[in-house]
Amino acid sequence: DDGDPKELGMQYGALHTLLPRMTVVGGCCGTDHRHVEEICR
């Protein structure tokens, strides 16, 4: 289940408002280069 890469990237953005010190990001189960690209964007 690889979910929705674009949605996951947006969710990281929302979580950053709750975790302003979040500076290390990556993916776990079901993620690949597409998810990482959206997170980085």
Full PDB file with SEQRES, HELIX, SHEET, SSBOND, CRYST1, ORIGX, SCALE, CONECT and MASTER records, all heavy atoms in Angstrom:
SEQRES   1 A   41  ASP ASP GLY ASP PRO LYS GLU LEU GLY MET GLN TYR GLY          
SEQRES   2 A   41  ALA LEU HIS THR LEU LEU PRO ARG MET THR VAL VAL GLY          
SEQRES   3 A   41  GLY CYS CYS GLY THR ASP HIS ARG HIS VAL GLU GLU ILE          
SEQRES   4 A   41  CYS ARG                                                      
HELIX    1 AA1 PRO A    5  LEU A   18  1                                  14    
HELIX    2 AA2 HIS A   33  CYS A   40  1                                   8    
CRYST1    1.000    1.000    1.000  90.00  90.00  90.00 P 1           1          
ORIGX1      1.000000  0.000000  0.000000        0.00000                         
ORIGX2      0.000000  1.000000  0.000000        0.00000                         
ORIGX3      0.000000  0.000000  1.000000        0.00000                         
SCALE1      1.000000  0.000000  0.000000        0.00000                         
SCALE2      0.000000  1.000000  0.000000        0.00000                         
SCALE3      0.000000  0.000000  1.000000        0.00000                         
ATOM      1  N   ASP A   1       0.854  -1.185   0.000  1.00  0.00           N  
ATOM      2  CA  ASP A   1       0.000   0.000   0.000  1.00  0.00           C  
ATOM      3  C   ASP A   1       0.893   1.240   0.000  1.00  0.00           C  
ATOM      4  O   ASP A   1       1.489   1.571   1.017  1.00  0.00           O  
ATOM      5  CB  ASP A   1      -0.910  -0.020   1.236  1.00  0.00           C  
ATOM      6  CG  ASP A   1      -1.830   1.182   1.310  1.00  0.00           C  
ATOM      7  OD1 ASP A   1      -1.877   1.954   0.328  1.00  0.00           O  
ATOM      8  OD2 ASP A   1      -2.487   1.356   2.347  1.00  0.00           O  
ATOM      9  N   ASP A   2       0.962   1.917  -1.158  1.00  0.00           N  
ATOM     10  CA  ASP A   2       1.850   3.078  -1.255  1.00  0.00           C  
ATOM     11  C   ASP A   2       1.115   4.396  -1.072  1.00  0.00           C  
ATOM     12  O   ASP A   2       1.714   5.466  -1.244  1.00  0.00           O  
ATOM     13  CB  ASP A   2       2.608   3.073  -2.584  1.00  0.00           C  
ATOM     14  CG  ASP A   2       1.680   3.096  -3.790  1.00  0.00           C  
ATOM     15  OD1 ASP A   2       0.448   3.105  -3.599  1.00  0.00           O  
ATOM     16  OD2 ASP A   2       2.189   3.093  -4.927  1.00  0.00           O  
ATOM     17  N   GLY A   3      -0.151   4.356  -0.706  1.00  0.00           N  
ATOM     18  CA  GLY A   3      -0.881   5.569  -0.373  1.00  0.00           C  
ATOM     19  C   GLY A   3      -0.850   6.602  -1.483  1.00  0.00           C  
ATOM     20  O   GLY A   3      -0.859   6.272  -2.679  1.00  0.00           O  
ATOM     21  N   ASP A   4      -0.803   7.869  -1.105  1.00  0.00           N  
ATOM     22  CA  ASP A   4      -0.804   8.987  -2.042  1.00  0.00           C  
ATOM     23  C   ASP A   4       0.420   9.850  -1.750  1.00  0.00           C  
ATOM     24  O   ASP A   4       0.450  10.561  -0.739  1.00  0.00           O  
ATOM     25  CB  ASP A   4      -2.085   9.800  -1.861  1.00  0.00           C  
ATOM     26  CG  ASP A   4      -2.200  10.949  -2.845  1.00  0.00           C  
ATOM     27  OD1 ASP A   4      -1.160  11.450  -3.322  1.00  0.00           O  
ATOM     28  OD2 ASP A   4      -3.334  11.368  -3.154  1.00  0.00           O  
ATOM     29  N   PRO A   5       1.450   9.795  -2.592  1.00  0.00           N  
ATOM     30  CA  PRO A   5       2.682  10.544  -2.311  1.00  0.00           C  
ATOM     31  C   PRO A   5       2.453  12.039  -2.101  1.00  0.00           C  
ATOM     32  O   PRO A   5       3.027  12.634  -1.180  1.00  0.00           O  
ATOM     33  CB  PRO A   5       3.548  10.282  -3.550  1.00  0.00           C  
ATOM     34  CG  PRO A   5       3.066   8.963  -4.068  1.00  0.00           C  
ATOM     35  CD  PRO A   5       1.591   8.950  -3.793  1.00  0.00           C  
ATOM     36  N   LYS A   6       1.631  12.659  -2.945  1.00  0.00           N  
ATOM     37  CA  LYS A   6       1.394  14.099  -2.822  1.00  0.00           C  
ATOM     38  C   LYS A   6       0.693  14.426  -1.509  1.00  0.00           C  
ATOM     39  O   LYS A   6       1.048  15.394  -0.828  1.00  0.00           O  
ATOM     40  CB  LYS A   6       0.564  14.608  -4.002  1.00  0.00           C  
ATOM     41  CG  LYS A   6       0.470  16.125  -4.069  1.00  0.00           C  
ATOM     42  CD  LYS A   6      -0.192  16.582  -5.342  1.00  0.00           C  
ATOM     43  CE  LYS A   6      -0.210  18.096  -5.449  1.00  0.00           C  
ATOM     44  NZ  LYS A   6       1.163  18.644  -5.529  1.00  0.00           N  
ATOM     45  N   GLU A   7      -0.290  13.601  -1.147  1.00  0.00           N  
ATOM     46  CA  GLU A   7      -0.994  13.824   0.121  1.00  0.00           C  
ATOM     47  C   GLU A   7      -0.041  13.694   1.300  1.00  0.00           C  
ATOM     48  O   GLU A   7      -0.083  14.490   2.241  1.00  0.00           O  
ATOM     49  CB  GLU A   7      -2.137  12.834   0.273  1.00  0.00           C  
ATOM     50  CG  GLU A   7      -2.902  12.986   1.587  1.00  0.00           C  
ATOM     51  CD  GLU A   7      -3.916  11.877   1.814  1.00  0.00           C  
ATOM     52  OE1 GLU A   7      -3.537  10.684   1.652  1.00  0.00           O  
ATOM     53  OE2 GLU A   7      -5.055  12.184   2.170  1.00  0.00           O  
ATOM     54  N   LEU A   8       0.846  12.701   1.256  1.00  0.00           N  
ATOM     55  CA  LEU A   8       1.790  12.501   2.356  1.00  0.00           C  
ATOM     56  C   LEU A   8       2.703  13.714   2.500  1.00  0.00           C  
ATOM     57  O   LEU A   8       2.980  14.162   3.620  1.00  0.00           O  
ATOM     58  CB  LEU A   8       2.616  11.239   2.129  1.00  0.00           C  
ATOM     59  CG  LEU A   8       3.514  10.829   3.300  1.00  0.00           C  
ATOM     60  CD1 LEU A   8       2.671  10.411   4.506  1.00  0.00           C  
ATOM     61  CD2 LEU A   8       4.458   9.695   2.905  1.00  0.00           C  
ATOM     62  N   GLY A   9       3.156  14.262   1.371  1.00  0.00           N  
ATOM     63  CA  GLY A   9       3.995  15.444   1.436  1.00  0.00           C  
ATOM     64  C   GLY A   9       3.278  16.607   2.098  1.00  0.00           C  
ATOM     65  O   GLY A   9       3.858  17.319   2.931  1.00  0.00           O  
ATOM     66  N   MET A  10       2.015  16.788   1.770  1.00  0.00           N  
ATOM     67  CA  MET A  10       1.231  17.867   2.367  1.00  0.00           C  
ATOM     68  C   MET A  10       1.025  17.630   3.861  1.00  0.00           C  
ATOM     69  O   MET A  10       1.022  18.573   4.661  1.00  0.00           O  
ATOM     70  CB  MET A  10      -0.109  17.981   1.650  1.00  0.00           C  
ATOM     71  CG  MET A  10       0.011  18.433   0.203  1.00  0.00           C  
ATOM     72  SD  MET A  10      -1.570  18.396  -0.690  1.00  0.00           S  
ATOM     73  CE  MET A  10      -2.510  19.607   0.259  1.00  0.00           C  
ATOM     74  N   GLN A  11       0.861  16.365   4.241  1.00  0.00           N  
ATOM     75  CA  GLN A  11       0.678  16.054   5.657  1.00  0.00           C  
ATOM     76  C   GLN A  11       1.944  16.347   6.455  1.00  0.00           C  
ATOM     77  O   GLN A  11       1.873  16.768   7.615  1.00  0.00           O  
ATOM     78  CB  GLN A  11       0.258  14.591   5.811  1.00  0.00           C  
ATOM     79  CG  GLN A  11      -1.172  14.348   5.346  1.00  0.00           C  
ATOM     80  CD  GLN A  11      -1.514  12.883   5.234  1.00  0.00           C  
ATOM     81  OE1 GLN A  11      -0.679  12.057   4.857  1.00  0.00           O  
ATOM     82  NE2 GLN A  11      -2.753  12.538   5.558  1.00  0.00           N  
ATOM     83  N   TYR A  12       3.099  16.155   5.846  1.00  0.00           N  
ATOM     84  CA  TYR A  12       4.343  16.532   6.511  1.00  0.00           C  
ATOM     85  C   TYR A  12       4.371  18.035   6.768  1.00  0.00           C  
ATOM     86  O   TYR A  12       4.838  18.499   7.811  1.00  0.00           O  
ATOM     87  CB  TYR A  12       5.554  16.128   5.664  1.00  0.00           C  
ATOM     88  CG  TYR A  12       6.113  14.771   5.982  1.00  0.00           C  
ATOM     89  CD1 TYR A  12       5.373  13.616   5.733  1.00  0.00           C  
ATOM     90  CD2 TYR A  12       7.389  14.627   6.529  1.00  0.00           C  
ATOM     91  CE1 TYR A  12       5.896  12.362   6.003  1.00  0.00           C  
ATOM     92  CE2 TYR A  12       7.918  13.383   6.805  1.00  0.00           C  
ATOM     93  CZ  TYR A  12       7.159  12.244   6.548  1.00  0.00           C  
ATOM     94  OH  TYR A  12       7.677  11.007   6.842  1.00  0.00           O  
ATOM     95  N   GLY A  13       3.869  18.807   5.809  1.00  0.00           N  
ATOM     96  CA  GLY A  13       3.810  20.246   5.993  1.00  0.00           C  
ATOM     97  C   GLY A  13       2.922  20.637   7.159  1.00  0.00           C  
ATOM     98  O   GLY A  13       3.260  21.513   7.958  1.00  0.00           O  
ATOM     99  N   ALA A  14       1.763  19.957   7.273  1.00  0.00           N  
ATOM    100  CA  ALA A  14       0.849  20.233   8.385  1.00  0.00           C  
ATOM    101  C   ALA A  14       1.485  19.855   9.715  1.00  0.00           C  
ATOM    102  O   ALA A  14       1.335  20.570  10.720  1.00  0.00           O  
ATOM    103  CB  ALA A  14      -0.461  19.475   8.178  1.00  0.00           C  
ATOM    104  N   LEU A  15       2.219  18.741   9.746  1.00  0.00           N  
ATOM    105  CA  LEU A  15       2.853  18.303  10.989  1.00  0.00           C  
ATOM    106  C   LEU A  15       3.986  19.244  11.392  1.00  0.00           C  
ATOM    107  O   LEU A  15       4.290  19.377  12.576  1.00  0.00           O  
ATOM    108  CB  LEU A  15       3.383  16.876  10.833  1.00  0.00           C  
ATOM    109  CG  LEU A  15       2.320  15.781  10.763  1.00  0.00           C  
ATOM    110  CD1 LEU A  15       2.955  14.438  10.436  1.00  0.00           C  
ATOM    111  CD2 LEU A  15       1.541  15.689  12.067  1.00  0.00           C  
ATOM    112  N   HIS A  16       4.582  19.894  10.415  1.00  0.00           N  
ATOM    113  CA  HIS A  16       5.669  20.822  10.739  1.00  0.00           C  
ATOM    114  C   HIS A  16       5.167  21.992  11.571  1.00  0.00           C  
ATOM    115  O   HIS A  16       5.924  22.542  12.382  1.00  0.00           O  
ATOM    116  CB  HIS A  16       6.330  21.328   9.460  1.00  0.00           C  
ATOM    117  CG  HIS A  16       7.572  22.118   9.691  1.00  0.00           C  
ATOM    118  ND1 HIS A  16       7.574  23.489   9.821  1.00  0.00           N  
ATOM    119  CD2 HIS A  16       8.864  21.722   9.845  1.00  0.00           C  
ATOM    120  CE1 HIS A  16       8.809  23.903  10.031  1.00  0.00           C  
ATOM    121  NE2 HIS A  16       9.606  22.865  10.048  1.00  0.00           N  
ATOM    122  N   THR A  17       3.913  22.354  11.417  1.00  0.00           N  
ATOM    123  CA  THR A  17       3.367  23.439  12.248  1.00  0.00           C  
ATOM    124  C   THR A  17       3.220  22.992  13.691  1.00  0.00           C  
ATOM    125  O   THR A  17       3.249  23.822  14.606  1.00  0.00           O  
ATOM    126  CB  THR A  17       1.995  23.898  11.715  1.00  0.00           C  
ATOM    127  OG1 THR A  17       1.050  22.815  11.811  1.00  0.00           O  
ATOM    128  CG2 THR A  17       2.101  24.324  10.258  1.00  0.00           C  
ATOM    129  N   LEU A  18       3.066  21.677  13.910  1.00  0.00           N  
ATOM    130  CA  LEU A  18       2.963  21.135  15.265  1.00  0.00           C  
ATOM    131  C   LEU A  18       4.334  20.792  15.830  1.00  0.00           C  
ATOM    132  O   LEU A  18       4.511  20.747  17.048  1.00  0.00           O  
ATOM    133  CB  LEU A  18       2.087  19.881  15.258  1.00  0.00           C  
ATOM    134  CG  LEU A  18       0.654  20.053  14.720  1.00  0.00           C  
ATOM    135  CD1 LEU A  18      -0.052  18.700  14.662  1.00  0.00           C  
ATOM    136  CD2 LEU A  18      -0.124  21.031  15.572  1.00  0.00           C  
ATOM    137  N   LEU A  19       5.281  20.539  14.934  1.00  0.00           N  
ATOM    138  CA  LEU A  19       6.648  20.186  15.339  1.00  0.00           C  
ATOM    139  C   LEU A  19       7.621  21.138  14.658  1.00  0.00           C  
ATOM    140  O   LEU A  19       8.296  20.790  13.686  1.00  0.00           O  
ATOM    141  CB  LEU A  19       6.969  18.741  14.936  1.00  0.00           C  
ATOM    142  CG  LEU A  19       6.138  17.633  15.582  1.00  0.00           C  
ATOM    143  CD1 LEU A  19       6.459  16.286  14.934  1.00  0.00           C  
ATOM    144  CD2 LEU A  19       6.392  17.567  17.082  1.00  0.00           C  
ATOM    145  N   PRO A  20       7.720  22.377  15.137  1.00  0.00           N  
ATOM    146  CA  PRO A  20       8.571  23.367  14.467  1.00  0.00           C  
ATOM    147  C   PRO A  20      10.050  23.005  14.436  1.00  0.00           C  
ATOM    148  O   PRO A  20      10.806  23.553  13.633  1.00  0.00           O  
ATOM    149  CB  PRO A  20       8.331  24.645  15.283  1.00  0.00           C  
ATOM    150  CG  PRO A  20       7.826  24.172  16.611  1.00  0.00           C  
ATOM    151  CD  PRO A  20       7.039  22.928  16.325  1.00  0.00           C  
ATOM    152  N   ARG A  21      10.468  22.059  15.275  1.00  0.00           N  
ATOM    153  CA  ARG A  21      11.881  21.660  15.278  1.00  0.00           C  
ATOM    154  C   ARG A  21      12.134  20.442  14.394  1.00  0.00           C  
ATOM    155  O   ARG A  21      13.226  19.885  14.395  1.00  0.00           O  
ATOM    156  CB  ARG A  21      12.344  21.367  16.710  1.00  0.00           C  
ATOM    157  CG  ARG A  21      12.215  22.556  17.657  1.00  0.00           C  
ATOM    158  CD  ARG A  21      12.981  22.309  18.944  1.00  0.00           C  
ATOM    159  NE  ARG A  21      14.421  22.416  18.744  1.00  0.00           N  
ATOM    160  CZ  ARG A  21      15.323  21.859  19.539  1.00  0.00           C  
ATOM    161  NH1 ARG A  21      14.934  21.139  20.576  1.00  0.00           N  
ATOM    162  NH2 ARG A  21      16.612  22.008  19.301  1.00  0.00           N  
ATOM    163  N   MET A  22      11.145  20.031  13.614  1.00  0.00           N  
ATOM    164  CA  MET A  22      11.287  18.866  12.745  1.00  0.00           C  
ATOM    165  C   MET A  22      12.218  19.204  11.585  1.00  0.00           C  
ATOM    166  O   MET A  22      11.880  19.991  10.708  1.00  0.00           O  
ATOM    167  CB  MET A  22       9.923  18.431  12.217  1.00  0.00           C  
ATOM    168  CG  MET A  22       9.973  17.150  11.400  1.00  0.00           C  
ATOM    169  SD  MET A  22       8.312  16.579  10.941  1.00  0.00           S  
ATOM    170  CE  MET A  22       7.942  17.685   9.571  1.00  0.00           C  
ATOM    171  N   THR A  23      13.396  18.630  11.594  1.00  0.00           N  
ATOM    172  CA  THR A  23      14.391  18.905  10.565  1.00  0.00           C  
ATOM    173  C   THR A  23      14.893  17.640   9.869  1.00  0.00           C  
ATOM    174  O   THR A  23      15.618  17.736   8.877  1.00  0.00           O  
ATOM    175  CB  THR A  23      15.604  19.639  11.171  1.00  0.00           C  
ATOM    176  OG1 THR A  23      16.109  18.891  12.281  1.00  0.00           O  
ATOM    177  CG2 THR A  23      15.215  21.031  11.649  1.00  0.00           C  
ATOM    178  N   VAL A  24      14.533  16.471  10.381  1.00  0.00           N  
ATOM    179  CA  VAL A  24      14.967  15.208   9.790  1.00  0.00           C  
ATOM    180  C   VAL A  24      13.727  14.493   9.282  1.00  0.00           C  
ATOM    181  O   VAL A  24      12.826  14.160  10.064  1.00  0.00           O  
ATOM    182  CB  VAL A  24      15.697  14.320  10.818  1.00  0.00           C  
ATOM    183  CG1 VAL A  24      16.153  13.014  10.175  1.00  0.00           C  
ATOM    184  CG2 VAL A  24      16.884  15.062  11.415  1.00  0.00           C  
ATOM    185  N   VAL A  25      13.629  14.276   7.975  1.00  0.00           N  
ATOM    186  CA  VAL A  25      12.428  13.673   7.405  1.00  0.00           C  
ATOM    187  C   VAL A  25      12.797  12.532   6.459  1.00  0.00           C  
ATOM    188  O   VAL A  25      13.885  12.503   5.884  1.00  0.00           O  
ATOM    189  CB  VAL A  25      11.578  14.710   6.643  1.00  0.00           C  
ATOM    190  CG1 VAL A  25      11.022  15.752   7.598  1.00  0.00           C  
ATOM    191  CG2 VAL A  25      12.372  15.386   5.532  1.00  0.00           C  
ATOM    192  N   GLY A  26      11.874  11.613   6.318  1.00  0.00           N  
ATOM    193  CA  GLY A  26      12.056  10.481   5.423  1.00  0.00           C  
ATOM    194  C   GLY A  26      10.784   9.671   5.394  1.00  0.00           C  
ATOM    195  O   GLY A  26       9.730  10.128   5.838  1.00  0.00           O  
ATOM    196  N   GLY A  27      10.866   8.461   4.868  1.00  0.00           N  
ATOM    197  CA  GLY A  27       9.686   7.619   4.755  1.00  0.00           C  
ATOM    198  C   GLY A  27       9.883   6.270   5.401  1.00  0.00           C  
ATOM    199  O   GLY A  27      11.016   5.839   5.640  1.00  0.00           O  
ATOM    200  N   CYS A  28       8.759   5.613   5.679  1.00  0.00           N  
ATOM    201  CA  CYS A  28       8.799   4.264   6.241  1.00  0.00           C  
ATOM    202  C   CYS A  28       7.957   3.361   5.337  1.00  0.00           C  
ATOM    203  O   CYS A  28       8.053   3.463   4.115  1.00  0.00           O  
ATOM    204  CB  CYS A  28       8.311   4.293   7.695  1.00  0.00           C  
ATOM    205  SG  CYS A  28       8.977   2.947   8.734  1.00  0.00           S  
ATOM    206  N   CYS A  29       7.109   2.514   5.888  1.00  0.00           N  
ATOM    207  CA  CYS A  29       6.404   1.483   5.122  1.00  0.00           C  
ATOM    208  C   CYS A  29       5.622   2.053   3.936  1.00  0.00           C  
ATOM    209  O   CYS A  29       4.811   2.963   4.095  1.00  0.00           O  
ATOM    210  CB  CYS A  29       5.446   0.720   6.032  1.00  0.00           C  
ATOM    211  SG  CYS A  29       6.243  -0.078   7.435  1.00  0.00           S  
ATOM    212  N   GLY A  30       5.875   1.515   2.752  1.00  0.00           N  
ATOM    213  CA  GLY A  30       5.136   1.886   1.552  1.00  0.00           C  
ATOM    214  C   GLY A  30       5.688   3.079   0.806  1.00  0.00           C  
ATOM    215  O   GLY A  30       5.184   3.430  -0.260  1.00  0.00           O  
ATOM    216  N   THR A  31       6.716   3.727   1.346  1.00  0.00           N  
ATOM    217  CA  THR A  31       7.247   4.927   0.693  1.00  0.00           C  
ATOM    218  C   THR A  31       8.387   4.582  -0.260  1.00  0.00           C  
ATOM    219  O   THR A  31       9.058   3.563  -0.118  1.00  0.00           O  
ATOM    220  CB  THR A  31       7.744   5.959   1.718  1.00  0.00           C  
ATOM    221  OG1 THR A  31       8.798   5.384   2.503  1.00  0.00           O  
ATOM    222  CG2 THR A  31       6.617   6.396   2.631  1.00  0.00           C  
ATOM    223  N   ASP A  32       8.575   5.454  -1.243  1.00  0.00           N  
ATOM    224  CA  ASP A  32       9.696   5.323  -2.170  1.00  0.00           C  
ATOM    225  C   ASP A  32      10.131   6.728  -2.586  1.00  0.00           C  
ATOM    226  O   ASP A  32       9.783   7.715  -1.926  1.00  0.00           O  
ATOM    227  CB  ASP A  32       9.336   4.447  -3.379  1.00  0.00           C  
ATOM    228  CG  ASP A  32       8.105   4.957  -4.136  1.00  0.00           C  
ATOM    229  OD1 ASP A  32       7.877   6.193  -4.166  1.00  0.00           O  
ATOM    230  OD2 ASP A  32       7.361   4.136  -4.703  1.00  0.00           O  
ATOM    231  N   HIS A  33      10.867   6.835  -3.693  1.00  0.00           N  
ATOM    232  CA  HIS A  33      11.412   8.129  -4.105  1.00  0.00           C  
ATOM    233  C   HIS A  33      10.324   9.163  -4.384  1.00  0.00           C  
ATOM    234  O   HIS A  33      10.544  10.367  -4.214  1.00  0.00           O  
ATOM    235  CB  HIS A  33      12.287   7.952  -5.349  1.00  0.00           C  
ATOM    236  CG  HIS A  33      11.528   7.513  -6.556  1.00  0.00           C  
ATOM    237  ND1 HIS A  33      11.142   6.200  -6.759  1.00  0.00           N  
ATOM    238  CD2 HIS A  33      11.058   8.210  -7.617  1.00  0.00           C  
ATOM    239  CE1 HIS A  33      10.482   6.110  -7.893  1.00  0.00           C  
ATOM    240  NE2 HIS A  33      10.415   7.313  -8.427  1.00  0.00           N  
ATOM    241  N   ARG A  34       9.131   8.714  -4.788  1.00  0.00           N  
ATOM    242  CA  ARG A  34       8.049   9.670  -5.062  1.00  0.00           C  
ATOM    243  C   ARG A  34       7.601  10.372  -3.792  1.00  0.00           C  
ATOM    244  O   ARG A  34       7.383  11.594  -3.780  1.00  0.00           O  
ATOM    245  CB  ARG A  34       6.858   8.943  -5.690  1.00  0.00           C  
ATOM    246  CG  ARG A  34       7.149   8.274  -7.033  1.00  0.00           C  
ATOM    247  CD  ARG A  34       5.988   7.376  -7.403  1.00  0.00           C  
ATOM    248  NE  ARG A  34       5.809   6.335  -6.400  1.00  0.00           N  
ATOM    249  CZ  ARG A  34       4.643   5.729  -6.131  1.00  0.00           C  
ATOM    250  NH1 ARG A  34       3.541   6.107  -6.771  1.00  0.00           N  
ATOM    251  NH2 ARG A  34       4.570   4.790  -5.212  1.00  0.00           N  
ATOM    252  N   HIS A  35       7.462   9.611  -2.727  1.00  0.00           N  
ATOM    253  CA  HIS A  35       7.049  10.194  -1.454  1.00  0.00           C  
ATOM    254  C   HIS A  35       8.115  11.141  -0.922  1.00  0.00           C  
ATOM    255  O   HIS A  35       7.812  12.239  -0.440  1.00  0.00           O  
ATOM    256  CB  HIS A  35       6.774   9.080  -0.436  1.00  0.00           C  
ATOM    257  CG  HIS A  35       5.741   8.099  -0.873  1.00  0.00           C  
ATOM    258  ND1 HIS A  35       6.035   7.076  -1.750  1.00  0.00           N  
ATOM    259  CD2 HIS A  35       4.423   7.959  -0.546  1.00  0.00           C  
ATOM    260  CE1 HIS A  35       4.941   6.351  -1.952  1.00  0.00           C  
ATOM    261  NE2 HIS A  35       3.954   6.868  -1.240  1.00  0.00           N  
ATOM    262  N   VAL A  36       9.367  10.705  -1.005  1.00  0.00           N  
ATOM    263  CA  VAL A  36      10.465  11.541  -0.504  1.00  0.00           C  
ATOM    264  C   VAL A  36      10.539  12.842  -1.300  1.00  0.00           C  
ATOM    265  O   VAL A  36      10.779  13.921  -0.743  1.00  0.00           O  
ATOM    266  CB  VAL A  36      11.798  10.770  -0.564  1.00  0.00           C  
ATOM    267  CG1 VAL A  36      12.965  11.691  -0.206  1.00  0.00           C  
ATOM    268  CG2 VAL A  36      11.760   9.567   0.376  1.00  0.00           C  
ATOM    269  N   GLU A  37      10.304  12.750  -2.599  1.00  0.00           N  
ATOM    270  CA  GLU A  37      10.320  13.954  -3.428  1.00  0.00           C  
ATOM    271  C   GLU A  37       9.237  14.941  -2.990  1.00  0.00           C  
ATOM    272  O   GLU A  37       9.485  16.152  -2.883  1.00  0.00           O  
ATOM    273  CB  GLU A  37      10.115  13.584  -4.892  1.00  0.00           C  
ATOM    274  CG  GLU A  37      10.173  14.776  -5.832  1.00  0.00           C  
ATOM    275  CD  GLU A  37      10.014  14.386  -7.292  1.00  0.00           C  
ATOM    276  OE1 GLU A  37       9.713  13.208  -7.571  1.00  0.00           O  
ATOM    277  OE2 GLU A  37      10.179  15.272  -8.155  1.00  0.00           O  
ATOM    278  N   GLU A  38       8.027  14.431  -2.725  1.00  0.00           N  
ATOM    279  CA  GLU A  38       6.935  15.306  -2.299  1.00  0.00           C  
ATOM    280  C   GLU A  38       7.199  15.897  -0.908  1.00  0.00           C  
ATOM    281  O   GLU A  38       6.888  17.059  -0.650  1.00  0.00           O  
ATOM    282  CB  GLU A  38       5.610  14.542  -2.306  1.00  0.00           C  
ATOM    283  CG  GLU A  38       5.117  14.126  -3.679  1.00  0.00           C  
ATOM    284  CD  GLU A  38       4.779  15.317  -4.568  1.00  0.00           C  
ATOM    285  OE1 GLU A  38       4.525  16.416  -4.030  1.00  0.00           O  
ATOM    286  OE2 GLU A  38       4.771  15.142  -5.797  1.00  0.00           O  
ATOM    287  N   ILE A  39       7.761  15.094  -0.028  1.00  0.00           N  
ATOM    288  CA  ILE A  39       8.105  15.589   1.311  1.00  0.00           C  
ATOM    289  C   ILE A  39       9.137  16.708   1.189  1.00  0.00           C  
ATOM    290  O   ILE A  39       9.008  17.766   1.821  1.00  0.00           O  
ATOM    291  CB  ILE A  39       8.642  14.436   2.190  1.00  0.00           C  
ATOM    292  CG1 ILE A  39       7.528  13.432   2.494  1.00  0.00           C  
ATOM    293  CG2 ILE A  39       9.241  14.985   3.490  1.00  0.00           C  
ATOM    294  CD1 ILE A  39       8.033  12.122   3.086  1.00  0.00           C  
ATOM    295  N   CYS A  40      10.165  16.485   0.377  1.00  0.00           N  
ATOM    296  CA  CYS A  40      11.213  17.498   0.212  1.00  0.00           C  
ATOM    297  C   CYS A  40      10.660  18.762  -0.421  1.00  0.00           C  
ATOM    298  O   CYS A  40      11.051  19.879  -0.044  1.00  0.00           O  
ATOM    299  CB  CYS A  40      12.357  16.939  -0.630  1.00  0.00           C  
ATOM    300  SG  CYS A  40      13.346  15.682   0.201  1.00  0.00           S  
ATOM    301  N   ARG A  41       9.750  18.603  -1.381  1.00  0.00           N  
ATOM    302  CA  ARG A  41       9.150  19.779  -2.009  1.00  0.00           C  
ATOM    303  C   ARG A  41       8.396  20.618  -0.976  1.00  0.00           C  
ATOM    304  O   ARG A  41       8.527  21.849  -0.936  1.00  0.00           O  
ATOM    305  CB  ARG A  41       8.217  19.353  -3.137  1.00  0.00           C  
ATOM    306  CG  ARG A  41       7.546  20.537  -3.851  1.00  0.00           C  
ATOM    307  CD  ARG A  41       6.630  20.088  -4.979  1.00  0.00           C  
ATOM    308  NE  ARG A  41       7.416  19.558  -6.086  1.00  0.00           N  
ATOM    309  CZ  ARG A  41       7.412  18.291  -6.485  1.00  0.00           C  
ATOM    310  NH1 ARG A  41       6.669  17.408  -5.835  1.00  0.00           N  
ATOM    311  NH2 ARG A  41       8.133  17.893  -7.499  1.00  0.00           N  
TER     312      ARG A  41                                                      
MASTER        0    0    0    2    0    0    0    6  311    1    0    4          
END                                                                             
